[in-house]
Protein backbone atom coordinates (compact mmCIF):
# COMPACT_ATOMS: atom_id res chain seq x y z
CA SER A 1 1.48 -117.46 -89.00
CA PRO A 2 3.43 -114.96 -89.60
CA PRO A 3 4.64 -114.17 -93.77
CA PRO A 4 5.04 -115.70 -96.03
CA HIS A 5 3.06 -118.43 -94.46
CA HIS A 6 -0.04 -117.05 -95.40
CA ASP A 7 -1.96 -116.45 -98.73
CA ILE A 8 -1.73 -120.10 -100.10
CA TYR A 9 -3.77 -120.14 -103.34
CA SER A 10 -2.62 -123.64 -104.86
CA ILE A 11 -0.58 -126.79 -104.22
CA GLU A 12 2.02 -125.52 -106.00
CA ASP A 13 2.40 -122.77 -104.08
CA LEU A 14 2.22 -124.88 -100.36
CA ALA A 15 4.96 -127.04 -102.57
CA GLN A 16 7.43 -124.00 -103.14
CA LEU A 17 6.65 -122.92 -99.38
CA ILE A 18 7.31 -125.95 -98.47
CA HIS A 19 10.76 -126.07 -100.12
CA ASP A 20 11.56 -122.70 -99.46
CA LEU A 21 10.99 -123.64 -95.43
CA LYS A 22 13.23 -126.89 -96.24
CA CYS A 23 15.87 -124.92 -97.47
CA ALA A 24 16.15 -122.22 -95.28
CA ASN A 25 16.08 -124.72 -92.15
CA PRO A 26 17.42 -128.47 -93.66
CA GLU A 27 17.32 -129.86 -90.06
CA GLY A 28 13.58 -128.54 -89.40
CA VAL A 29 10.62 -130.75 -89.70
CA VAL A 30 8.42 -128.89 -92.04
CA SER A 31 4.69 -129.04 -90.57
CA VAL A 32 1.34 -128.83 -91.86
CA LYS A 33 -1.75 -128.46 -90.69
CA LEU A 34 -5.44 -128.85 -92.46
CA VAL A 35 -8.97 -128.89 -90.52
CA SER A 36 -10.47 -132.68 -90.78
CA GLU A 37 -13.44 -131.68 -93.03
CA VAL A 38 -14.77 -133.78 -95.86
CA GLY A 39 -12.27 -134.68 -98.50
CA VAL A 40 -9.06 -133.82 -96.28
CA GLY A 41 -7.69 -137.37 -97.20
CA VAL A 42 -6.94 -135.76 -100.80
CA ILE A 43 -5.45 -132.35 -99.68
CA ALA A 44 -3.50 -134.34 -97.11
CA ALA A 45 -2.17 -136.67 -100.36
CA GLY A 46 -1.42 -133.56 -102.11
CA VAL A 47 0.39 -131.82 -99.08
CA ALA A 48 2.49 -135.02 -98.87
CA LYS A 49 3.00 -134.96 -102.67
CA ALA A 50 4.13 -131.40 -101.91
CA LYS A 51 6.65 -132.67 -99.36
CA ALA A 52 5.89 -131.68 -96.23
CA ASP A 53 7.25 -133.84 -93.65
CA HIS A 54 4.51 -133.72 -90.95
CA ILE A 55 0.74 -133.26 -91.29
CA VAL A 56 -1.74 -131.83 -88.47
CA VAL A 57 -5.22 -133.24 -88.70
CA SER A 58 -7.72 -130.92 -86.44
CA GLY A 59 -10.45 -131.37 -85.57
CA GLY A 60 -13.24 -128.97 -84.95
CA ASP A 61 -13.47 -129.24 -81.29
CA GLY A 62 -11.57 -126.96 -78.88
CA GLY A 63 -9.89 -123.57 -80.19
CA THR A 64 -8.64 -120.99 -78.25
CA GLY A 65 -10.23 -118.95 -75.57
CA ALA A 66 -9.54 -115.38 -78.00
CA ALA A 67 -12.43 -117.27 -80.53
CA ALA A 68 -16.06 -116.65 -81.19
CA TRP A 69 -18.15 -119.18 -79.65
CA THR A 70 -19.41 -119.23 -83.43
CA GLY A 71 -15.66 -120.00 -84.24
CA ILE A 72 -15.27 -122.58 -82.55
CA LYS A 73 -18.66 -124.64 -82.57
CA CYS A 74 -19.40 -124.51 -86.11
CA ALA A 75 -15.92 -124.92 -87.49
CA GLY A 76 -14.99 -128.46 -88.95
CA LEU A 77 -15.71 -132.02 -88.18
CA PRO A 78 -14.42 -134.50 -84.97
CA TRP A 79 -11.27 -135.24 -85.71
CA GLU A 80 -12.06 -139.17 -86.00
CA LEU A 81 -13.82 -138.74 -88.84
CA GLY A 82 -10.19 -136.56 -90.82
CA ILE A 83 -7.86 -138.81 -89.34
CA ALA A 84 -9.40 -141.71 -90.59
CA GLU A 85 -10.01 -140.21 -94.13
CA THR A 86 -6.76 -138.77 -93.77
CA GLN A 87 -4.54 -142.27 -92.72
CA GLN A 88 -7.12 -144.65 -95.26
CA THR A 89 -6.45 -142.21 -98.25
CA LEU A 90 -2.03 -141.80 -97.48
CA VAL A 91 -1.85 -145.33 -97.07
CA LEU A 92 -3.72 -146.03 -100.81
CA ASN A 93 -1.76 -143.61 -102.08
CA ASP A 94 1.72 -145.34 -100.96
CA LEU A 95 2.46 -141.98 -99.09
CA ARG A 96 1.88 -142.22 -95.89
CA ASP A 97 5.25 -143.99 -94.74
CA ARG A 98 6.90 -140.19 -95.29
CA ILE A 99 4.59 -138.42 -93.41
CA ARG A 100 4.22 -138.48 -89.37
CA LEU A 101 0.27 -138.00 -88.67
CA GLN A 102 -0.68 -136.15 -85.67
CA THR A 103 -4.18 -134.70 -84.72
CA ASP A 104 -5.71 -132.64 -81.99
CA GLY A 105 -9.86 -131.15 -80.94
CA GLN A 106 -10.37 -131.68 -77.41
CA LEU A 107 -8.12 -134.68 -76.53
CA LYS A 108 -8.05 -135.13 -72.62
CA THR A 109 -8.37 -138.84 -71.75
CA PRO A 110 -6.04 -141.98 -72.90
CA ARG A 111 -8.79 -143.41 -74.46
CA ASP A 112 -8.96 -140.33 -76.91
CA ILE A 113 -5.03 -141.09 -77.73
CA CYS A 114 -5.73 -144.70 -78.05
CA VAL A 115 -8.60 -144.36 -80.28
CA ALA A 116 -6.77 -141.38 -82.51
CA ALA A 117 -3.43 -144.10 -82.81
CA ALA A 118 -5.91 -147.09 -84.12
CA LEU A 119 -7.15 -144.36 -86.74
CA GLY A 120 -3.80 -143.68 -87.86
CA ALA A 121 -2.31 -141.12 -86.01
CA GLU A 122 1.19 -141.11 -84.46
CA GLU A 123 1.43 -138.16 -82.58
CA TYR A 124 -1.20 -136.21 -80.15
CA ALA A 125 -2.17 -132.66 -79.34
CA LEU A 126 -3.50 -131.57 -75.52
CA SER A 127 -3.83 -127.90 -74.16
CA THR A 128 -7.21 -128.13 -72.31
CA GLY A 129 -5.84 -131.22 -69.90
CA PRO A 130 -2.63 -129.73 -69.00
CA LEU A 131 -4.05 -125.99 -68.57
CA ILE A 132 -6.40 -127.03 -65.99
CA ALA A 133 -3.77 -128.76 -64.55
CA LEU A 134 -1.81 -125.45 -64.58
CA GLY A 135 -4.94 -123.85 -62.73
CA CYS A 136 -7.26 -122.69 -66.19
CA ILE A 137 -10.93 -122.50 -64.86
CA MET A 138 -12.06 -121.76 -68.78
CA MET A 139 -13.18 -118.34 -68.18
CA ARG A 140 -12.80 -117.49 -71.81
CA LYS A 141 -10.58 -114.27 -71.23
CA CYS A 142 -7.56 -115.18 -72.88
CA HIS A 143 -7.50 -112.00 -75.65
CA LEU A 144 -8.72 -109.57 -72.52
CA ASN A 145 -5.82 -110.18 -70.54
CA THR A 146 -7.85 -110.30 -67.67
CA CYS A 147 -7.42 -114.21 -67.02
CA PRO A 148 -8.02 -114.30 -62.92
CA VAL A 149 -5.78 -117.19 -62.29
CA GLY A 150 -2.78 -115.69 -64.16
CA ILE A 151 -1.85 -117.79 -67.44
CA ALA A 152 -3.46 -115.60 -70.21
CA THR A 153 -1.99 -112.41 -69.13
CA GLN A 154 0.50 -109.69 -69.18
CA ASP A 155 -0.36 -107.55 -65.51
CA PRO A 156 1.66 -108.27 -62.64
CA LEU A 157 -1.27 -108.60 -60.77
CA LEU A 158 -3.25 -111.29 -61.75
CA ARG A 159 0.02 -112.98 -62.91
CA ALA A 160 1.24 -112.91 -59.00
CA LYS A 161 -1.95 -115.10 -58.87
CA PHE A 162 -0.61 -118.39 -61.03
CA GLU A 163 -0.14 -121.33 -59.09
CA GLY A 164 0.60 -124.15 -61.80
CA GLU A 165 4.03 -125.79 -61.45
CA PRO A 166 5.77 -127.62 -63.98
CA GLU A 167 5.26 -130.75 -61.59
CA HIS A 168 1.45 -130.67 -62.52
CA VAL A 169 1.77 -131.17 -66.18
CA ILE A 170 4.21 -133.75 -65.78
CA ASN A 171 2.34 -135.36 -63.23
CA PHE A 172 -0.90 -135.01 -65.89
CA PHE A 173 1.09 -136.93 -68.62
CA PHE A 174 2.43 -139.70 -66.62
CA LEU A 175 -1.23 -140.40 -65.28
CA LEU A 176 -2.31 -140.13 -68.80
CA ALA A 177 0.65 -142.46 -69.82
CA GLU A 178 0.17 -145.19 -67.08
CA GLU A 179 -3.63 -145.98 -68.30
CA MET A 180 -2.55 -145.47 -72.00
CA ARG A 181 -0.30 -148.78 -70.91
CA GLU A 182 -3.18 -150.33 -69.51
CA THR A 183 -5.02 -150.40 -72.28
CA LEU A 184 -1.70 -151.06 -74.73
CA ARG A 185 -1.99 -154.12 -72.03
CA SER A 186 -5.36 -155.19 -72.41
CA LEU A 187 -5.51 -154.99 -76.10
CA GLY A 188 -2.42 -157.19 -76.89
CA LEU A 189 -0.23 -154.29 -77.60
CA LYS A 190 3.14 -154.16 -76.60
CA ASP A 191 3.81 -150.13 -77.62
CA MET A 192 1.86 -147.92 -79.35
CA ASP A 193 3.53 -148.46 -83.01
CA GLU A 194 1.29 -151.82 -83.28
CA LEU A 195 -1.26 -149.67 -82.58
CA VAL A 196 -1.15 -146.94 -85.55
CA GLY A 197 -3.84 -148.07 -88.07
CA ALA A 198 -5.22 -150.73 -86.21
CA ALA A 199 -8.41 -149.42 -85.88
CA GLY A 200 -10.34 -152.52 -87.30
CA ASP A 201 -8.52 -154.76 -85.17
CA VAL A 202 -9.25 -153.44 -82.03
CA LEU A 203 -12.25 -150.77 -82.23
CA GLU A 204 -15.85 -151.79 -83.07
CA VAL A 205 -18.94 -149.85 -83.40
CA ASP A 206 -21.74 -150.23 -80.38
CA PRO A 207 -25.32 -149.58 -82.26
CA ALA A 208 -26.48 -149.20 -77.89
CA LYS A 209 -24.41 -146.46 -77.19
CA LEU A 210 -25.52 -144.43 -80.88
CA ARG A 211 -28.71 -145.32 -80.10
CA ALA A 212 -28.75 -144.18 -76.48
CA HIS A 213 -26.69 -140.70 -77.03
CA GLY A 214 -28.38 -139.23 -80.65
CA ARG A 215 -31.73 -139.59 -82.44
CA ARG A 216 -33.12 -143.26 -82.99
CA ASP A 217 -33.77 -142.04 -86.43
CA LYS A 218 -30.11 -140.97 -87.64
CA ALA A 219 -28.23 -143.50 -86.06
CA LEU A 220 -30.51 -146.28 -86.94
CA GLY A 221 -28.82 -145.15 -90.59
CA LEU A 222 -25.75 -144.28 -89.10
CA ASP A 223 -22.61 -146.42 -90.69
CA LEU A 224 -19.38 -146.16 -89.26
CA ALA A 225 -18.14 -149.49 -90.57
CA PRO A 226 -16.09 -147.56 -93.48
CA MET A 227 -14.29 -145.32 -90.43
CA LEU A 228 -12.96 -148.81 -89.14
CA GLN A 229 -12.21 -150.47 -92.30
CA PRO A 230 -7.96 -150.97 -91.81
CA ALA A 231 -6.48 -149.24 -94.49
CA ARG A 232 -3.53 -151.82 -94.87
CA GLU A 233 -6.68 -153.89 -96.82
CA LEU A 234 -6.69 -151.12 -99.55
CA ASN A 235 -3.09 -151.08 -100.38
CA PRO A 236 -1.26 -154.46 -98.43
CA THR A 237 2.18 -153.04 -99.92
CA ALA A 238 1.89 -149.68 -98.70
CA GLY A 239 3.34 -148.52 -95.45
CA ALA A 240 0.58 -147.57 -92.65
CA ARG A 241 2.73 -145.26 -90.53
CA HIS A 242 6.01 -143.33 -90.41
CA PHE A 243 9.00 -145.61 -91.90
CA THR A 244 11.03 -142.58 -94.13
CA THR A 245 11.91 -139.37 -94.72
CA GLN A 246 11.13 -137.34 -97.60
CA ASP A 247 13.74 -136.55 -100.33
CA HIS A 248 13.75 -132.27 -100.38
CA GLU A 249 16.87 -132.96 -103.34
CA LEU A 250 18.48 -130.56 -101.16
CA GLY A 251 22.22 -132.78 -102.21
CA ILE A 252 21.93 -131.55 -105.88
CA LYS A 253 21.14 -127.68 -105.34
CA ALA A 254 23.63 -125.30 -106.45
CA ASP A 255 23.51 -123.54 -102.96
CA ASN A 256 26.16 -126.75 -101.97
CA ASP A 257 28.26 -125.05 -104.09
CA LEU A 258 28.01 -121.91 -102.81
CA ILE A 259 28.40 -123.28 -99.44
CA GLU A 260 31.48 -124.89 -100.17
CA ALA A 261 33.29 -121.47 -101.79
CA ALA A 262 31.71 -119.73 -98.66
CA ARG A 263 33.01 -122.24 -96.43
CA ASP A 264 36.27 -120.48 -94.88
CA LEU A 265 35.00 -116.94 -94.70
CA ILE A 266 31.85 -118.58 -92.84
CA GLU A 267 34.16 -119.80 -90.48
CA ALA A 268 35.95 -116.96 -89.86
CA TYR A 269 33.53 -113.97 -89.19
CA GLY A 270 31.15 -117.40 -87.02
CA SER A 271 34.82 -117.48 -85.01
CA GLY A 272 34.80 -113.47 -84.49
CA GLY A 273 37.83 -113.02 -87.57
CA ASP A 274 38.03 -111.64 -90.53
CA ALA A 275 37.79 -112.37 -94.29
CA PRO A 276 38.08 -110.98 -97.66
CA PRO A 277 35.04 -110.17 -99.99
CA LEU A 278 33.99 -113.02 -101.98
CA VAL A 279 32.51 -113.01 -105.24
CA ILE A 280 30.77 -116.16 -107.19
CA ALA A 281 29.98 -116.00 -110.53
CA ARG A 282 28.19 -118.74 -111.91
CA GLU A 283 24.91 -119.35 -114.76
CA THR A 284 21.77 -120.33 -113.16
CA THR A 285 18.65 -121.18 -114.42
CA ASN A 286 15.12 -121.76 -113.78
CA LEU A 287 15.89 -124.78 -111.85
CA ASP A 288 17.77 -123.40 -109.37
CA ARG A 289 14.75 -122.43 -106.79
CA THR A 290 15.42 -120.93 -103.53
CA LEU A 291 18.92 -120.17 -104.66
CA GLY A 292 20.59 -118.03 -101.54
CA THR A 293 18.79 -119.93 -98.69
CA MET A 294 20.61 -122.57 -97.44
CA LEU A 295 23.87 -120.51 -98.14
CA SER A 296 22.22 -117.87 -95.41
CA SER A 297 21.05 -120.79 -93.25
CA LYS A 298 24.69 -121.53 -92.82
CA VAL A 299 25.84 -117.47 -92.14
CA SER A 300 22.63 -117.23 -89.49
CA LYS A 301 24.20 -120.97 -87.50
CA ALA A 302 27.52 -119.02 -87.49
CA CYS A 303 27.56 -116.04 -87.04
CA GLY A 304 23.55 -115.52 -85.56
CA LYS A 305 20.91 -112.74 -86.62
CA PRO A 306 23.47 -110.09 -87.26
CA GLY A 307 25.10 -112.00 -90.20
CA LEU A 308 27.53 -111.46 -91.92
CA PRO A 309 29.63 -107.14 -92.90
CA ASP A 310 28.08 -105.75 -95.59
CA GLY A 311 29.36 -106.88 -99.13
CA ALA A 312 30.90 -110.12 -97.70
CA VAL A 313 29.29 -112.22 -100.19
CA THR A 314 28.55 -111.30 -103.68
CA ILE A 315 26.65 -113.89 -105.92
CA GLU A 316 26.60 -112.86 -109.64
CA LEU A 317 24.26 -114.64 -111.50
CA THR A 318 23.66 -114.70 -115.11
CA GLY A 319 20.30 -115.83 -116.69
CA SER A 320 16.73 -116.16 -115.76
CA SER A 321 17.09 -117.36 -111.47
CA GLY A 322 14.47 -120.04 -110.20
CA GLN A 323 11.15 -119.47 -107.65
CA SER A 324 12.16 -117.99 -104.57
CA LEU A 325 15.61 -116.59 -105.54
CA GLY A 326 16.98 -115.37 -101.81
CA PHE A 327 13.87 -116.23 -99.61
CA ALA A 328 15.40 -115.52 -96.21
CA LEU A 329 18.56 -113.76 -97.78
CA ALA A 330 21.04 -112.98 -94.56
CA PRO A 331 22.70 -109.68 -94.14
CA GLY A 332 25.88 -109.71 -95.69
CA ILE A 333 24.56 -111.51 -98.83
CA THR A 334 23.98 -109.52 -101.91
CA ILE A 335 22.62 -111.29 -105.12
CA GLU A 336 23.15 -109.66 -108.22
CA VAL A 337 20.95 -111.14 -111.66
CA THR A 338 21.63 -110.20 -115.26
CA GLY A 339 18.79 -111.33 -116.67
CA ASP A 340 15.38 -111.89 -114.98
CA ALA A 341 13.95 -113.38 -112.12
CA ASN A 342 11.41 -115.44 -111.37
CA ASP A 343 8.14 -115.75 -108.81
CA GLY A 344 9.24 -114.87 -105.07
CA CYS A 345 12.43 -113.21 -105.69
CA GLY A 346 13.43 -111.76 -102.49
CA LYS A 347 10.61 -113.48 -100.75
CA GLY A 348 11.15 -113.15 -96.48
CA LEU A 349 14.23 -111.29 -97.40
CA SER A 350 16.01 -110.84 -93.71
CA GLY A 351 18.43 -108.26 -94.57
CA GLY A 352 20.70 -109.65 -97.50
CA ARG A 353 20.61 -107.79 -100.98
CA VAL A 354 19.00 -108.68 -104.42
CA VAL A 355 20.15 -107.09 -107.46
CA VAL A 356 18.02 -108.20 -110.94
CA LYS A 357 19.13 -106.19 -114.23
CA PRO A 358 18.57 -106.86 -117.86
CA SER A 359 21.24 -108.80 -119.84
CA PRO A 360 24.03 -106.67 -122.24
CA ASP A 361 22.15 -108.63 -125.01
CA GLN A 362 18.96 -107.32 -124.49
CA LEU A 363 20.20 -103.49 -123.89
CA ALA A 364 21.88 -103.74 -127.32
CA TYR A 365 18.59 -104.67 -128.90
CA SER A 366 17.28 -100.69 -129.78
CA GLY A 367 13.82 -101.70 -129.41
CA PHE A 368 14.12 -102.85 -125.72
CA VAL A 369 13.09 -100.80 -122.92
CA PRO A 370 13.94 -101.75 -119.17
CA SER A 371 11.02 -100.19 -117.60
CA GLU A 372 8.54 -101.13 -120.13
CA ASN A 373 9.51 -104.77 -119.32
CA VAL A 374 8.21 -107.31 -116.68
CA ILE A 375 11.62 -108.17 -115.28
CA VAL A 376 10.72 -110.27 -111.77
CA GLY A 377 7.44 -112.29 -110.41
CA ASN A 378 5.00 -112.04 -108.74
CA VAL A 379 4.84 -111.59 -105.22
CA ALA A 380 8.52 -110.45 -105.24
CA CYS A 381 9.74 -109.20 -101.53
CA TYR A 382 6.80 -110.78 -99.99
CA GLY A 383 7.29 -110.58 -96.18
CA ALA A 384 10.56 -109.14 -96.19
CA THR A 385 11.80 -107.90 -93.12
CA ALA A 386 15.43 -106.21 -94.01
CA GLY A 387 17.55 -105.60 -96.42
CA GLU A 388 17.34 -104.46 -100.13
CA ALA A 389 16.19 -104.93 -103.24
CA PHE A 390 16.74 -103.73 -106.60
CA PHE A 391 14.88 -104.28 -110.04
CA ARG A 392 15.56 -102.39 -113.16
CA GLY A 393 11.76 -103.20 -114.53
CA LYS A 394 8.52 -103.97 -113.88
CA GLY A 395 7.50 -106.07 -111.16
CA GLY A 396 4.53 -108.35 -111.46
CA GLU A 397 1.55 -108.98 -108.98
CA ARG A 398 1.46 -109.11 -105.44
CA PHE A 399 4.98 -106.61 -105.09
CA CYS A 400 5.65 -106.44 -101.78
CA VAL A 401 2.70 -107.55 -100.33
CA ARG A 402 3.50 -107.51 -95.80
CA ASN A 403 6.62 -106.18 -96.40
CA SER A 404 7.34 -104.93 -92.78
CA GLY A 405 11.22 -103.79 -93.45
CA ALA A 406 12.91 -104.09 -96.40
CA LEU A 407 13.33 -101.17 -99.28
CA ALA A 408 12.36 -102.65 -102.20
CA VAL A 409 13.13 -100.87 -105.71
CA VAL A 410 11.05 -101.37 -109.01
CA GLU A 411 10.35 -99.27 -112.18
CA GLY A 412 6.69 -100.70 -112.12
CA LEU A 413 4.59 -103.00 -111.30
CA GLY A 414 0.95 -104.92 -111.25
CA ASP A 415 -1.57 -104.97 -108.96
CA HIS A 416 -2.57 -105.09 -105.81
CA GLY A 417 1.04 -103.85 -104.52
CA CYS A 418 2.07 -103.35 -101.00
CA GLU A 419 -1.23 -105.16 -100.06
CA TYR A 420 -0.96 -105.74 -95.83
CA MET A 421 2.58 -103.83 -95.99
CA THR A 422 3.46 -102.74 -92.38
CA GLY A 423 7.04 -101.11 -92.53
CA GLY A 424 9.68 -100.40 -94.61
CA ARG A 425 10.00 -98.57 -97.60
CA VAL A 426 8.71 -99.08 -101.58
CA VAL A 427 10.18 -96.84 -104.47
CA VAL A 428 8.11 -97.56 -107.93
CA LEU A 429 9.48 -95.66 -110.66
CA GLY A 430 6.57 -95.73 -113.09
CA SER A 431 2.74 -96.77 -113.14
CA THR A 432 0.97 -99.22 -110.78
CA GLY A 433 -2.08 -101.46 -111.26
CA ARG A 434 -5.10 -101.46 -109.52
CA ASN A 435 -6.02 -102.28 -105.18
CA PHE A 436 -2.48 -100.30 -104.80
CA ALA A 437 -1.55 -100.52 -100.36
CA ALA A 438 -4.85 -102.64 -99.67
CA GLY A 439 -4.34 -102.71 -95.97
CA MET A 440 -1.42 -100.89 -95.96
CA SER A 441 -0.66 -99.65 -92.44
CA GLY A 442 2.92 -99.02 -91.74
CA GLY A 443 5.57 -98.10 -93.95
CA VAL A 444 5.91 -95.00 -96.67
CA ALA A 445 5.62 -96.17 -100.45
CA TYR A 446 6.81 -93.39 -103.35
CA VAL A 447 5.21 -93.73 -106.95
CA LEU A 448 6.01 -91.69 -109.67
CA ASP A 449 2.95 -90.56 -111.18
CA PRO A 450 3.76 -87.65 -113.66
CA ASP A 451 0.42 -88.24 -115.08
CA ARG A 452 -1.75 -87.46 -112.15
CA ALA A 453 -3.82 -91.48 -112.66
CA PHE A 454 -2.45 -93.16 -109.25
CA ALA A 455 -4.75 -91.90 -107.06
CA ASP A 456 -7.86 -93.90 -108.69
CA LYS A 457 -5.30 -96.82 -108.46
CA CYS A 458 -5.05 -96.41 -104.98
CA ASN A 459 -7.01 -98.29 -102.38
CA MET A 460 -7.42 -95.44 -99.93
CA GLY A 461 -8.99 -97.36 -96.87
CA MET A 462 -6.04 -97.01 -94.54
CA VAL A 463 -3.59 -94.47 -96.37
CA GLU A 464 -3.44 -91.02 -97.51
CA LEU A 465 -1.75 -89.14 -100.40
CA GLY A 466 0.48 -86.50 -99.94
CA PRO A 467 3.61 -84.58 -102.01
CA VAL A 468 7.54 -85.20 -101.28
CA GLU A 469 9.14 -82.62 -98.92
CA GLY A 470 11.61 -82.08 -96.58
CA VAL A 471 13.39 -85.30 -94.86
CA TYR A 472 11.19 -87.31 -97.59
CA ALA A 473 12.40 -85.77 -100.61
CA ASP A 474 16.08 -86.46 -99.17
CA GLU A 475 15.03 -89.69 -98.36
CA LEU A 476 13.46 -90.73 -101.59
CA LYS A 477 16.59 -89.22 -103.62
CA SER A 478 18.36 -91.77 -101.75
CA TYR A 479 17.11 -94.55 -102.96
CA VAL A 480 17.04 -93.65 -106.01
CA GLU A 481 20.45 -92.48 -105.96
CA LYS A 482 21.07 -96.52 -104.70
CA HIS A 483 19.12 -97.66 -107.71
CA LEU A 484 21.10 -96.09 -110.09
CA ALA A 485 24.20 -97.35 -108.42
CA ARG A 486 23.24 -101.05 -108.26
CA THR A 487 21.17 -101.27 -111.85
CA GLU A 488 22.76 -98.39 -113.85
CA SER A 489 18.79 -97.50 -114.34
CA ASP A 490 17.95 -95.12 -117.04
CA VAL A 491 14.89 -93.99 -115.82
CA ALA A 492 16.92 -93.46 -112.12
CA ALA A 493 19.49 -91.06 -114.18
CA ALA A 494 17.18 -88.95 -116.26
CA LEU A 495 15.15 -88.13 -112.63
CA LEU A 496 18.61 -87.30 -110.84
CA ALA A 497 19.68 -84.97 -113.55
CA ASP A 498 16.77 -83.04 -112.82
CA TRP A 499 16.04 -83.74 -109.68
CA ASP A 500 14.19 -80.56 -108.28
CA SER A 501 11.76 -80.65 -110.54
CA ALA A 502 11.24 -84.66 -110.61
CA VAL A 503 10.22 -85.03 -107.21
CA GLY A 504 6.92 -83.14 -107.80
CA ASP A 505 6.22 -85.67 -109.83
CA PHE A 506 6.27 -88.47 -107.12
CA VAL A 507 2.88 -89.24 -104.41
CA ARG A 508 4.02 -90.26 -101.07
CA VAL A 509 1.94 -93.33 -99.48
CA MET A 510 1.36 -93.64 -96.32
CA PRO A 511 -0.92 -94.71 -93.67
CA THR A 512 -3.33 -92.03 -91.81
CA ASP A 513 -2.31 -94.15 -88.29
CA TYR A 514 1.25 -94.77 -89.17
CA LYS A 515 1.17 -90.76 -90.26
CA ALA A 516 -0.31 -89.80 -87.31
CA VAL A 517 2.47 -91.45 -84.85
CA LEU A 518 5.33 -90.08 -86.94
CA GLU A 519 3.98 -86.56 -86.37
CA ARG A 520 3.75 -86.77 -82.94
CA GLU A 521 6.90 -88.21 -82.03
CA MET A 522 8.27 -86.16 -84.04
CA ALA A 523 6.93 -83.43 -82.07
CA GLU A 524 8.26 -84.63 -78.66
CA SER A 525 11.37 -84.95 -80.05
CA GLU A 526 11.32 -81.45 -81.18
CA ALA A 527 9.76 -80.42 -77.51
CA ALA A 528 12.38 -82.64 -75.29
CA ALA A 529 15.13 -80.32 -77.59
CA ALA A 530 13.77 -77.43 -76.98
């Protein structure tokens, strides 16, 4: 999965991510995939409480043809165990009716699907069967670009061998559905809805088959009855299948006011017209989670990926903003916070601009030094793809992790900065924590290091350190100037006042392979010009 879908460490993180994604696409369905294992029901209950719309319980069988055998044969439990436990736990806790439940893991036959439905699943994912219908011969070379039947390859010669037709898959599913209909008829059921969760009524254990297909000593002690217990018996008043929807509380969000204020502007630009810049000023609190994202969704649907012109909408906030401020913020939208920002600020930044600076009351206090105080929480600009972020103060941990294209300027940060960064630019006008640049494979970071202490804090596994010279010095200066213009930073002002001397205190952090590619491209460009 792309960032910021990775690195979920708690149910609170997951709940926030679900809320972020729902704000980014209110009409979309947020799905969470779980592995079939002991205890998956408890996890699914937490996911349902975190307001996911859809849960997939994936069995231990199947998997991509690019995976190692150990990753396929030794991971997870059969889907039957996982879906049965999930169904019973969700019904027991009165959570089942707000969730659509899906399962997968080598479902091939109508019987497989009917058993899955009886155990509680409403949706069923099939892959191997349709692939074989298209001509797959299971060579397990999906990752090598050498698929002999032209399915999993980009090689034109091999792709020419592909003989599959849409009708082959249509026919496969038609025959599947026809046999499922016969199964329902034999059970006296009208439709699949009646089968969902009806395990106790339509399934039974055959001891003879258990003995015939397994070790006798194990089969005699195996009790599958708990799997077939009807979930309705655990909680007779609860729904046993999907009837309603989650309440994501989008109707009470501050973004609704922002959308209303910007409605005419968005419609004007969406129809190819023009509109005067819009400035919206309001107070904010940490209850305003994911502010700016629903507005960005409206902009993206009306104007597409280019968004709005720079400076079209400016949102001036005063106070302490909530989590995920500016998640997936669209181009042309600027959010300026006078106060501070919570965790996840600028997460998934997609072309917009976020500015966070201290309040005048803080600056009026003689003992307050912005560059020595944290102004933005953890995982700021996580998974950002484009745009700009300026923070007059220190950032928390995991700053700009997985950044792939945004510019971010901060006056110090905690541990694990720029981890897994693949692009963009980061400027740190202060000290960093440990493990900076771990797994960093692209982009450039500039770190102010007058005490020459940074090298011990940097993870040198994929990067190298160097002086800031030539075009890099010019680039860095332009970023510091932007930071000064946006935040009135005294640190930036002091550096620019004696830039020729100050630039020598910076360290350039650049991935080794990334640097080699840039140097080769530069050499080729110079050779072509000559």
